[in-house]
Amino acid sequence: HITAYSMERQGVITAERRKMTVQTDPGEIG
């Protein structure tokens, strides 16, 4: 992901994308 984004950002490729539900912080307990 990091490499593909970096390459697309600089015009090297057009990256393929897939939507993904990402957990960005745990719940309050534990």
Full PDB file with SEQRES, HELIX, SHEET, SSBOND, CRYST1, ORIGX, SCALE, CONECT and MASTER records, all heavy atoms in Angstrom:
SEQRES   1 A   30  HIS ILE THR ALA TYR SER MET GLU ARG GLN GLY VAL ILE          
SEQRES   2 A   30  THR ALA GLU ARG ARG LYS MET THR VAL GLN THR ASP PRO          
SEQRES   3 A   30  GLY GLU ILE GLY                                              
HELIX    1 AA1 ILE A    2  ARG A    9  1                                   8    
CRYST1    1.000    1.000    1.000  90.00  90.00  90.00 P 1           1          
ORIGX1      1.000000  0.000000  0.000000        0.00000                         
ORIGX2      0.000000  1.000000  0.000000        0.00000                         
ORIGX3      0.000000  0.000000  1.000000        0.00000                         
SCALE1      1.000000  0.000000  0.000000        0.00000                         
SCALE2      0.000000  1.000000  0.000000        0.00000                         
SCALE3      0.000000  0.000000  1.000000        0.00000                         
ATOM      1  N   HIS A   1       0.832  -1.205   0.000  1.00  0.00           N  
ATOM      2  CA  HIS A   1       0.000   0.000   0.000  1.00  0.00           C  
ATOM      3  C   HIS A   1       0.864   1.251   0.000  1.00  0.00           C  
ATOM      4  O   HIS A   1       0.640   2.180  -0.788  1.00  0.00           O  
ATOM      5  CB  HIS A   1      -0.921   0.014   1.220  1.00  0.00           C  
ATOM      6  CG  HIS A   1      -1.618   1.327   1.423  1.00  0.00           C  
ATOM      7  ND1 HIS A   1      -2.757   1.682   0.733  1.00  0.00           N  
ATOM      8  CD2 HIS A   1      -1.301   2.405   2.209  1.00  0.00           C  
ATOM      9  CE1 HIS A   1      -3.133   2.908   1.082  1.00  0.00           C  
ATOM     10  NE2 HIS A   1      -2.256   3.365   1.985  1.00  0.00           N  
ATOM     11  N   ILE A   2       1.860   1.301   0.880  1.00  0.00           N  
ATOM     12  CA  ILE A   2       2.726   2.479   0.959  1.00  0.00           C  
ATOM     13  C   ILE A   2       3.447   2.700  -0.364  1.00  0.00           C  
ATOM     14  O   ILE A   2       3.515   3.829  -0.877  1.00  0.00           O  
ATOM     15  CB  ILE A   2       3.740   2.303   2.113  1.00  0.00           C  
ATOM     16  CG1 ILE A   2       3.032   2.400   3.464  1.00  0.00           C  
ATOM     17  CG2 ILE A   2       4.852   3.347   2.024  1.00  0.00           C  
ATOM     18  CD1 ILE A   2       3.902   2.014   4.645  1.00  0.00           C  
ATOM     19  N   THR A   3       3.973   1.629  -0.943  1.00  0.00           N  
ATOM     20  CA  THR A   3       4.714   1.738  -2.201  1.00  0.00           C  
ATOM     21  C   THR A   3       3.795   2.155  -3.341  1.00  0.00           C  
ATOM     22  O   THR A   3       4.144   3.027  -4.148  1.00  0.00           O  
ATOM     23  CB  THR A   3       5.393   0.399  -2.526  1.00  0.00           C  
ATOM     24  OG1 THR A   3       6.187  -0.028  -1.410  1.00  0.00           O  
ATOM     25  CG2 THR A   3       6.285   0.532  -3.749  1.00  0.00           C  
ATOM     26  N   ALA A   4       2.617   1.544  -3.409  1.00  0.00           N  
ATOM     27  CA  ALA A   4       1.680   1.861  -4.490  1.00  0.00           C  
ATOM     28  C   ALA A   4       1.205   3.300  -4.392  1.00  0.00           C  
ATOM     29  O   ALA A   4       1.110   4.007  -5.419  1.00  0.00           O  
ATOM     30  CB  ALA A   4       0.488   0.900  -4.439  1.00  0.00           C  
ATOM     31  N   TYR A   5       0.889   3.757  -3.182  1.00  0.00           N  
ATOM     32  CA  TYR A   5       0.468   5.150  -3.029  1.00  0.00           C  
ATOM     33  C   TYR A   5       1.593   6.097  -3.439  1.00  0.00           C  
ATOM     34  O   TYR A   5       1.377   7.086  -4.152  1.00  0.00           O  
ATOM     35  CB  TYR A   5       0.048   5.437  -1.590  1.00  0.00           C  
ATOM     36  CG  TYR A   5      -0.106   6.919  -1.336  1.00  0.00           C  
ATOM     37  CD1 TYR A   5      -1.164   7.636  -1.894  1.00  0.00           C  
ATOM     38  CD2 TYR A   5       0.843   7.622  -0.592  1.00  0.00           C  
ATOM     39  CE1 TYR A   5      -1.281   9.006  -1.703  1.00  0.00           C  
ATOM     40  CE2 TYR A   5       0.733   8.982  -0.394  1.00  0.00           C  
ATOM     41  CZ  TYR A   5      -0.326   9.675  -0.952  1.00  0.00           C  
ATOM     42  OH  TYR A   5      -0.429  11.031  -0.780  1.00  0.00           O  
ATOM     43  N   SER A   6       2.807   5.807  -2.980  1.00  0.00           N  
ATOM     44  CA  SER A   6       3.945   6.649  -3.313  1.00  0.00           C  
ATOM     45  C   SER A   6       4.165   6.710  -4.815  1.00  0.00           C  
ATOM     46  O   SER A   6       4.404   7.786  -5.390  1.00  0.00           O  
ATOM     47  CB  SER A   6       5.205   6.104  -2.624  1.00  0.00           C  
ATOM     48  OG  SER A   6       6.329   6.891  -2.925  1.00  0.00           O  
ATOM     49  N   MET A   7       4.075   5.572  -5.469  1.00  0.00           N  
ATOM     50  CA  MET A   7       4.253   5.529  -6.925  1.00  0.00           C  
ATOM     51  C   MET A   7       3.157   6.316  -7.634  1.00  0.00           C  
ATOM     52  O   MET A   7       3.431   7.080  -8.575  1.00  0.00           O  
ATOM     53  CB  MET A   7       4.254   4.079  -7.402  1.00  0.00           C  
ATOM     54  CG  MET A   7       5.505   3.303  -7.059  1.00  0.00           C  
ATOM     55  SD  MET A   7       5.399   1.594  -7.675  1.00  0.00           S  
ATOM     56  CE  MET A   7       7.070   1.015  -7.400  1.00  0.00           C  
ATOM     57  N   GLU A   8       1.911   6.150  -7.211  1.00  0.00           N  
ATOM     58  CA  GLU A   8       0.828   6.896  -7.867  1.00  0.00           C  
ATOM     59  C   GLU A   8       0.967   8.391  -7.607  1.00  0.00           C  
ATOM     60  O   GLU A   8       0.763   9.205  -8.525  1.00  0.00           O  
ATOM     61  CB  GLU A   8      -0.535   6.417  -7.378  1.00  0.00           C  
ATOM     62  CG  GLU A   8      -1.672   7.238  -8.013  1.00  0.00           C  
ATOM     63  CD  GLU A   8      -3.046   6.686  -7.760  1.00  0.00           C  
ATOM     64  OE1 GLU A   8      -3.394   5.675  -8.396  1.00  0.00           O  
ATOM     65  OE2 GLU A   8      -3.781   7.286  -6.939  1.00  0.00           O  
ATOM     66  N   ARG A   9       1.310   8.764  -6.395  1.00  0.00           N  
ATOM     67  CA  ARG A   9       1.465  10.174  -6.058  1.00  0.00           C  
ATOM     68  C   ARG A   9       2.463  10.860  -6.973  1.00  0.00           C  
ATOM     69  O   ARG A   9       2.323  12.055  -7.289  1.00  0.00           O  
ATOM     70  CB  ARG A   9       1.910  10.284  -4.589  1.00  0.00           C  
ATOM     71  CG  ARG A   9       2.162  11.695  -4.092  1.00  0.00           C  
ATOM     72  CD  ARG A   9       2.469  11.726  -2.600  1.00  0.00           C  
ATOM     73  NE  ARG A   9       3.688  11.044  -2.235  1.00  0.00           N  
ATOM     74  CZ  ARG A   9       4.914  11.562  -2.341  1.00  0.00           C  
ATOM     75  NH1 ARG A   9       5.068  12.785  -2.829  1.00  0.00           N  
ATOM     76  NH2 ARG A   9       5.982  10.870  -1.969  1.00  0.00           N  
ATOM     77  N   GLN A  10       3.456  10.118  -7.447  1.00  0.00           N  
ATOM     78  CA  GLN A  10       4.522  10.692  -8.270  1.00  0.00           C  
ATOM     79  C   GLN A  10       4.420  10.310  -9.751  1.00  0.00           C  
ATOM     80  O   GLN A  10       5.352  10.524 -10.522  1.00  0.00           O  
ATOM     81  CB  GLN A  10       5.879  10.265  -7.696  1.00  0.00           C  
ATOM     82  CG  GLN A  10       6.095  10.815  -6.283  1.00  0.00           C  
ATOM     83  CD  GLN A  10       7.289  10.214  -5.591  1.00  0.00           C  
ATOM     84  OE1 GLN A  10       8.406  10.711  -5.724  1.00  0.00           O  
ATOM     85  NE2 GLN A  10       7.079   9.147  -4.839  1.00  0.00           N  
ATOM     86  N   GLY A  11       3.264   9.744 -10.144  1.00  0.00           N  
ATOM     87  CA  GLY A  11       3.011   9.498 -11.551  1.00  0.00           C  
ATOM     88  C   GLY A  11       3.670   8.268 -12.132  1.00  0.00           C  
ATOM     89  O   GLY A  11       3.741   8.132 -13.362  1.00  0.00           O  
ATOM     90  N   VAL A  12       4.124   7.342 -11.293  1.00  0.00           N  
ATOM     91  CA  VAL A  12       4.766   6.133 -11.799  1.00  0.00           C  
ATOM     92  C   VAL A  12       3.739   5.116 -12.270  1.00  0.00           C  
ATOM     93  O   VAL A  12       3.929   4.436 -13.290  1.00  0.00           O  
ATOM     94  CB  VAL A  12       5.668   5.509 -10.706  1.00  0.00           C  
ATOM     95  CG1 VAL A  12       6.327   4.223 -11.194  1.00  0.00           C  
ATOM     96  CG2 VAL A  12       6.727   6.508 -10.253  1.00  0.00           C  
ATOM     97  N   ILE A  13       2.644   4.984 -11.529  1.00  0.00           N  
ATOM     98  CA  ILE A  13       1.587   4.024 -11.855  1.00  0.00           C  
ATOM     99  C   ILE A  13       0.228   4.664 -11.556  1.00  0.00           C  
ATOM    100  O   ILE A  13       0.147   5.728 -10.932  1.00  0.00           O  
ATOM    101  CB  ILE A  13       1.694   2.726 -11.021  1.00  0.00           C  
ATOM    102  CG1 ILE A  13       1.470   3.031  -9.517  1.00  0.00           C  
ATOM    103  CG2 ILE A  13       3.027   2.036 -11.257  1.00  0.00           C  
ATOM    104  CD1 ILE A  13       1.314   1.786  -8.656  1.00  0.00           C  
ATOM    105  N   THR A  14      -0.800   3.989 -11.994  1.00  0.00           N  
ATOM    106  CA  THR A  14      -2.147   4.197 -11.463  1.00  0.00           C  
ATOM    107  C   THR A  14      -2.442   2.994 -10.581  1.00  0.00           C  
ATOM    108  O   THR A  14      -2.520   1.861 -11.070  1.00  0.00           O  
ATOM    109  CB  THR A  14      -3.190   4.319 -12.577  1.00  0.00           C  
ATOM    110  OG1 THR A  14      -2.890   5.447 -13.396  1.00  0.00           O  
ATOM    111  CG2 THR A  14      -4.592   4.486 -11.990  1.00  0.00           C  
ATOM    112  N   ALA A  15      -2.543   3.227  -9.297  1.00  0.00           N  
ATOM    113  CA  ALA A  15      -2.686   2.118  -8.354  1.00  0.00           C  
ATOM    114  C   ALA A  15      -4.064   1.492  -8.454  1.00  0.00           C  
ATOM    115  O   ALA A  15      -5.052   2.148  -8.803  1.00  0.00           O  
ATOM    116  CB  ALA A  15      -2.443   2.612  -6.930  1.00  0.00           C  
ATOM    117  N   GLU A  16      -4.118   0.206  -8.153  1.00  0.00           N  
ATOM    118  CA  GLU A  16      -5.400  -0.468  -7.987  1.00  0.00           C  
ATOM    119  C   GLU A  16      -5.888  -0.213  -6.566  1.00  0.00           C  
ATOM    120  O   GLU A  16      -5.097  -0.109  -5.630  1.00  0.00           O  
ATOM    121  CB  GLU A  16      -5.250  -1.962  -8.248  1.00  0.00           C  
ATOM    122  CG  GLU A  16      -4.861  -2.260  -9.695  1.00  0.00           C  
ATOM    123  CD  GLU A  16      -4.794  -3.755  -9.993  1.00  0.00           C  
ATOM    124  OE1 GLU A  16      -4.688  -4.549  -9.025  1.00  0.00           O  
ATOM    125  OE2 GLU A  16      -4.846  -4.127 -11.171  1.00  0.00           O  
ATOM    126  N   ARG A  17      -7.201  -0.120  -6.389  1.00  0.00           N  
ATOM    127  CA  ARG A  17      -7.792   0.205  -5.101  1.00  0.00           C  
ATOM    128  C   ARG A  17      -8.846  -0.817  -4.716  1.00  0.00           C  
ATOM    129  O   ARG A  17      -9.574  -1.320  -5.574  1.00  0.00           O  
ATOM    130  CB  ARG A  17      -8.464   1.586  -5.142  1.00  0.00           C  
ATOM    131  CG  ARG A  17      -7.501   2.767  -5.213  1.00  0.00           C  
ATOM    132  CD  ARG A  17      -8.266   4.020  -5.614  1.00  0.00           C  
ATOM    133  NE  ARG A  17      -7.499   5.237  -5.394  1.00  0.00           N  
ATOM    134  CZ  ARG A  17      -6.527   5.664  -6.193  1.00  0.00           C  
ATOM    135  NH1 ARG A  17      -6.183   4.939  -7.255  1.00  0.00           N  
ATOM    136  NH2 ARG A  17      -5.897   6.787  -5.934  1.00  0.00           N  
ATOM    137  N   ARG A  18      -8.910  -1.081  -3.423  1.00  0.00           N  
ATOM    138  CA  ARG A  18     -10.045  -1.843  -2.891  1.00  0.00           C  
ATOM    139  C   ARG A  18     -10.455  -1.197  -1.586  1.00  0.00           C  
ATOM    140  O   ARG A  18      -9.616  -0.795  -0.775  1.00  0.00           O  
ATOM    141  CB  ARG A  18      -9.703  -3.319  -2.694  1.00  0.00           C  
ATOM    142  CG  ARG A  18      -8.685  -3.600  -1.622  1.00  0.00           C  
ATOM    143  CD  ARG A  18      -8.392  -5.088  -1.519  1.00  0.00           C  
ATOM    144  NE  ARG A  18      -7.382  -5.382  -0.509  1.00  0.00           N  
ATOM    145  CZ  ARG A  18      -7.644  -5.641   0.770  1.00  0.00           C  
ATOM    146  NH1 ARG A  18      -8.914  -5.631   1.193  1.00  0.00           N  
ATOM    147  NH2 ARG A  18      -6.677  -5.911   1.623  1.00  0.00           N  
ATOM    148  N   LYS A  19     -11.742  -1.081  -1.404  1.00  0.00           N  
ATOM    149  CA  LYS A  19     -12.244  -0.497  -0.168  1.00  0.00           C  
ATOM    150  C   LYS A  19     -12.089  -1.487   0.973  1.00  0.00           C  
ATOM    151  O   LYS A  19     -12.351  -2.682   0.824  1.00  0.00           O  
ATOM    152  CB  LYS A  19     -13.724  -0.103  -0.323  1.00  0.00           C  
ATOM    153  CG  LYS A  19     -13.947   1.083  -1.241  1.00  0.00           C  
ATOM    154  CD  LYS A  19     -13.418   2.377  -0.622  1.00  0.00           C  
ATOM    155  CE  LYS A  19     -13.768   3.590  -1.462  1.00  0.00           C  
ATOM    156  NZ  LYS A  19     -13.242   4.844  -0.868  1.00  0.00           N  
ATOM    157  N   MET A  20     -11.657  -0.979   2.125  1.00  0.00           N  
ATOM    158  CA  MET A  20     -11.448  -1.831   3.282  1.00  0.00           C  
ATOM    159  C   MET A  20     -11.868  -1.079   4.534  1.00  0.00           C  
ATOM    160  O   MET A  20     -11.556   0.110   4.686  1.00  0.00           O  
ATOM    161  CB  MET A  20      -9.968  -2.218   3.371  1.00  0.00           C  
ATOM    162  CG  MET A  20      -9.611  -3.118   4.545  1.00  0.00           C  
ATOM    163  SD  MET A  20      -7.875  -3.645   4.460  1.00  0.00           S  
ATOM    164  CE  MET A  20      -7.756  -4.576   5.992  1.00  0.00           C  
ATOM    165  N   THR A  21     -12.594  -1.748   5.397  1.00  0.00           N  
ATOM    166  CA  THR A  21     -12.966  -1.159   6.673  1.00  0.00           C  
ATOM    167  C   THR A  21     -11.795  -1.316   7.630  1.00  0.00           C  
ATOM    168  O   THR A  21     -11.361  -2.433   7.919  1.00  0.00           O  
ATOM    169  CB  THR A  21     -14.223  -1.819   7.248  1.00  0.00           C  
ATOM    170  OG1 THR A  21     -15.295  -1.663   6.311  1.00  0.00           O  
ATOM    171  CG2 THR A  21     -14.621  -1.167   8.554  1.00  0.00           C  
ATOM    172  N   VAL A  22     -11.263  -0.197   8.077  1.00  0.00           N  
ATOM    173  CA  VAL A  22     -10.027  -0.175   8.854  1.00  0.00           C  
ATOM    174  C   VAL A  22     -10.344   0.192  10.292  1.00  0.00           C  
ATOM    175  O   VAL A  22     -11.009   1.201  10.555  1.00  0.00           O  
ATOM    176  CB  VAL A  22      -9.036   0.848   8.246  1.00  0.00           C  
ATOM    177  CG1 VAL A  22      -7.810   0.997   9.135  1.00  0.00           C  
ATOM    178  CG2 VAL A  22      -8.627   0.413   6.846  1.00  0.00           C  
ATOM    179  N   GLN A  23      -9.885  -0.648  11.253  1.00  0.00           N  
ATOM    180  CA  GLN A  23     -10.018  -0.297  12.667  1.00  0.00           C  
ATOM    181  C   GLN A  23      -8.920   0.701  12.998  1.00  0.00           C  
ATOM    182  O   GLN A  23      -7.738   0.425  12.858  1.00  0.00           O  
ATOM    183  CB  GLN A  23      -9.881  -1.526  13.557  1.00  0.00           C  
ATOM    184  CG  GLN A  23      -9.981  -1.180  15.046  1.00  0.00           C  
ATOM    185  CD  GLN A  23      -9.984  -2.409  15.931  1.00  0.00           C  
ATOM    186  OE1 GLN A  23     -10.621  -3.397  15.631  1.00  0.00           O  
ATOM    187  NE2 GLN A  23      -9.253  -2.334  17.032  1.00  0.00           N  
ATOM    188  N   THR A  24      -9.316   1.891  13.443  1.00  0.00           N  
ATOM    189  CA  THR A  24      -8.355   2.963  13.677  1.00  0.00           C  
ATOM    190  C   THR A  24      -8.102   3.243  15.146  1.00  0.00           C  
ATOM    191  O   THR A  24      -7.155   3.939  15.474  1.00  0.00           O  
ATOM    192  CB  THR A  24      -8.844   4.260  13.001  1.00  0.00           C  
ATOM    193  OG1 THR A  24     -10.162   4.573  13.471  1.00  0.00           O  
ATOM    194  CG2 THR A  24      -8.875   4.101  11.502  1.00  0.00           C  
ATOM    195  N   ASP A  25      -8.894   2.721  16.047  1.00  0.00           N  
ATOM    196  CA  ASP A  25      -8.623   2.773  17.485  1.00  0.00           C  
ATOM    197  C   ASP A  25      -9.496   1.736  18.163  1.00  0.00           C  
ATOM    198  O   ASP A  25     -10.629   1.493  17.745  1.00  0.00           O  
ATOM    199  CB  ASP A  25      -8.911   4.161  18.074  1.00  0.00           C  
ATOM    200  CG  ASP A  25      -7.636   4.993  18.197  1.00  0.00           C  
ATOM    201  OD1 ASP A  25      -6.619   4.439  18.637  1.00  0.00           O  
ATOM    202  OD2 ASP A  25      -7.658   6.181  17.833  1.00  0.00           O  
ATOM    203  N   PRO A  26      -8.989   1.102  19.246  1.00  0.00           N  
ATOM    204  CA  PRO A  26      -9.774   0.090  19.941  1.00  0.00           C  
ATOM    205  C   PRO A  26     -10.881   0.719  20.765  1.00  0.00           C  
ATOM    206  O   PRO A  26     -10.933   1.942  20.928  1.00  0.00           O  
ATOM    207  CB  PRO A  26      -8.732  -0.590  20.838  1.00  0.00           C  
ATOM    208  CG  PRO A  26      -7.741   0.481  21.109  1.00  0.00           C  
ATOM    209  CD  PRO A  26      -7.679   1.323  19.840  1.00  0.00           C  
ATOM    210  N   GLY A  27     -11.742  -0.126  21.302  1.00  0.00           N  
ATOM    211  CA  GLY A  27     -12.815   0.363  22.144  1.00  0.00           C  
ATOM    212  C   GLY A  27     -12.303   0.828  23.500  1.00  0.00           C  
ATOM    213  O   GLY A  27     -11.127   0.752  23.821  1.00  0.00           O  
ATOM    214  N   GLU A  28     -13.216   1.305  24.312  1.00  0.00           N  
ATOM    215  CA  GLU A  28     -12.844   1.890  25.590  1.00  0.00           C  
ATOM    216  C   GLU A  28     -12.314   0.850  26.571  1.00  0.00           C  
ATOM    217  O   GLU A  28     -11.457   1.138  27.388  1.00  0.00           O  
ATOM    218  CB  GLU A  28     -14.070   2.581  26.192  1.00  0.00           C  
ATOM    219  CG  GLU A  28     -13.784   3.298  27.499  1.00  0.00           C  
ATOM    220  CD  GLU A  28     -14.981   4.090  27.993  1.00  0.00           C  
ATOM    221  OE1 GLU A  28     -16.011   4.066  27.325  1.00  0.00           O  
ATOM    222  OE2 GLU A  28     -14.867   4.727  29.037  1.00  0.00           O  
ATOM    223  N   ILE A  29     -12.802  -0.369  26.473  1.00  0.00           N  
ATOM    224  CA  ILE A  29     -12.406  -1.386  27.446  1.00  0.00           C  
ATOM    225  C   ILE A  29     -11.332  -2.269  26.829  1.00  0.00           C  
ATOM    226  O   ILE A  29     -11.585  -3.077  25.945  1.00  0.00           O  
ATOM    227  CB  ILE A  29     -13.613  -2.253  27.857  1.00  0.00           C  
ATOM    228  CG1 ILE A  29     -14.750  -1.370  28.361  1.00  0.00           C  
ATOM    229  CG2 ILE A  29     -13.182  -3.255  28.918  1.00  0.00           C  
ATOM    230  CD1 ILE A  29     -14.373  -0.522  29.565  1.00  0.00           C  
ATOM    231  N   GLY A  30     -10.091  -2.092  27.293  1.00  0.00           N  
ATOM    232  CA  GLY A  30      -9.030  -3.014  26.896  1.00  0.00           C  
ATOM    233  C   GLY A  30      -8.417  -2.719  25.555  1.00  0.00           C  
ATOM    234  O   GLY A  30      -9.060  -2.868  24.526  1.00  0.00           O  
TER     235      GLY A  30                                                      
MASTER        0    0    0    1    0    0    0    6  234    1    0    3          
END                                                                             
